[in-house]
Every structure is written in structure tokens, then in C-alpha cells.
Protein backbone atom coordinates (compact mmCIF):
# COMPACT_ATOMS: atom_id res chain seq x y z
CA UNK A 1 1.68 -9.22 18.59
CA UNK A 2 2.78 -7.05 15.68
CA UNK A 3 0.45 -6.70 12.70
CA UNK A 4 -2.74 -7.71 14.52
CA UNK A 5 -4.39 -4.26 14.70
CA UNK A 6 -7.66 -3.36 13.03
CA UNK A 7 -8.57 -0.40 10.86
CA UNK A 8 -12.18 -0.12 12.02
CA UNK A 9 -11.81 3.56 12.87
CA UNK A 10 -10.84 4.50 9.28
CA UNK A 11 -13.26 4.68 6.37
CA UNK A 12 -11.83 2.45 3.63
CA UNK A 13 -12.55 3.14 -0.03
CA UNK A 14 -11.11 2.38 -3.46
CA UNK A 15 -8.42 4.94 -4.21
CA UNK A 16 -7.45 6.01 -7.73
CA UNK A 17 -4.21 4.04 -7.37
CA UNK A 18 -6.20 0.91 -6.49
CA UNK A 19 -8.48 1.33 -9.49
CA UNK A 20 -5.53 1.98 -11.82
CA UNK A 21 -3.74 -1.12 -10.52
CA UNK A 22 -6.85 -3.21 -11.09
CA UNK A 23 -7.17 -1.91 -14.67
CA UNK A 24 -3.46 -2.50 -15.36
CA UNK A 25 -3.73 -6.09 -14.12
CA UNK A 26 -6.69 -6.71 -16.40
CA UNK A 27 -4.71 -5.26 -19.30
CA UNK A 28 -1.71 -7.47 -18.49
CA UNK A 29 -3.84 -10.63 -18.30
CA UNK A 30 -5.49 -9.73 -21.61
CA UNK A 31 -2.15 -9.38 -23.39
CA UNK A 32 -0.69 -12.47 -21.70
CA UNK A 33 -3.60 -14.65 -22.86
CA UNK A 34 -3.27 -13.14 -26.35
CA UNK A 35 0.48 -13.88 -26.29
CA UNK A 36 -0.05 -17.51 -25.26
CA UNK A 37 -2.68 -18.03 -27.94
CA UNK A 38 -0.92 -16.41 -30.91
CA UNK A 39 2.71 -16.50 -29.78
CA UNK A 40 3.38 -13.12 -31.35
CA UNK A 41 6.21 -10.73 -30.62
CA UNK A 42 3.91 -7.70 -30.43
CA UNK A 43 1.60 -9.24 -27.82
CA UNK A 44 4.64 -10.28 -25.74
CA UNK A 45 5.92 -6.70 -25.96
CA UNK A 46 2.53 -5.31 -24.89
CA UNK A 47 2.32 -7.80 -22.01
CA UNK A 48 5.77 -6.76 -20.82
CA UNK A 49 4.83 -3.07 -20.97
CA UNK A 50 1.62 -3.77 -19.05
CA UNK A 51 3.59 -5.69 -16.43
CA UNK A 52 5.98 -2.76 -15.98
CA UNK A 53 2.96 -0.53 -15.40
CA UNK A 54 1.61 -3.00 -12.84
CA UNK A 55 4.95 -2.95 -11.02
CA UNK A 56 4.97 0.86 -10.88
CA UNK A 57 1.36 1.05 -9.70
CA UNK A 58 1.91 -1.72 -7.13
CA UNK A 59 4.64 0.37 -5.54
CA UNK A 60 2.31 3.39 -5.39
CA UNK A 61 -0.41 1.24 -3.83
CA UNK A 62 2.05 -0.19 -1.31
CA UNK A 63 2.94 3.32 -0.15
CA UNK A 64 -0.77 4.15 0.20
CA UNK A 65 -1.37 1.08 2.34
CA UNK A 66 1.66 1.79 4.50
CA UNK A 67 0.49 5.33 5.13
CA UNK A 68 -2.98 4.02 5.97
CA UNK A 69 -1.50 1.60 8.49
CA UNK A 70 0.76 4.25 10.00
CA UNK A 71 -2.29 6.42 10.76
CA UNK A 72 -3.44 3.81 13.25
CA UNK A 73 -3.67 5.67 16.61
CA UNK A 74 -2.13 2.71 18.44
CA UNK A 75 1.06 3.23 16.45
CA UNK A 76 1.27 7.03 16.23
CA UNK A 77 4.46 7.29 18.30
CA UNK A 78 6.51 4.63 16.51
CA UNK A 79 8.50 6.86 14.14
CA UNK A 80 8.22 10.26 15.76
CA UNK A 81 10.87 10.30 18.48
CA UNK A 82 10.01 13.84 19.55
CA UNK A 83 6.48 12.77 20.45
CA UNK A 84 7.87 9.68 22.20
CA UNK A 85 9.96 11.88 24.45
CA UNK A 86 6.96 14.09 25.26
CA UNK A 87 4.84 11.03 25.96
CA UNK A 88 7.50 9.63 28.30
CA UNK A 89 7.73 12.96 30.13
CA UNK A 90 3.94 13.05 30.56
CA UNK A 91 3.93 9.49 31.89
CA UNK A 92 6.71 10.32 34.36
CA UNK A 93 4.81 13.36 35.61
CA UNK A 94 1.65 11.29 36.10
CA UNK A 95 3.61 8.69 38.06
CA UNK A 96 5.07 11.35 40.35
CA UNK A 97 1.61 12.72 41.13
């Protein structure tokens, strides 16, 4: 079933993009609470800017996670058709022997 693999062979750690996203989320929540409490234009502006930063960093983090998942050895031939062809040739040779 797709999406059921594990990443036990890879050392996982907090990347700079992860830490920046976490800080940006904290900043957004700070300004959003401030905006709800005071109902000021400036705090709404700052919350919107923080949310734009979160969106940008979330995209960066998404790409990191996708690259991490694509390094899974079970899936190394999914996108590289040249390696798929070589793998198929090797399997055919083994079957003939």
C-alpha cells in the first residue's frame, strides 16, 4: 500500500527550515491574539505578514519532506526511468541464467 513505508534508516533531525517555520508560527499566533484583543489595524497587518511568511516557509518544509521521502531505498527507481530500464535488464538477465 502506498505511503506505508518507514524512515528508520534515516537519521531525522530538526532542519533550519523546520525551526524557522516553528518560529514563524509562534509569531503569527502572537500577532493574531494581539489582533483579537485590541482589534487594531497594525496588529492585523503584522499577523497577515507573519502568515505570508508561514506560507513561504511551509512550502520550503514541504520540499524538504518530499526529498526525505524520495530518498527511501524502496522507492529509488520511481522517477528515474534510466535506472528502471537498467534494473529491468538486470532482472531479465538473472531470469535467463
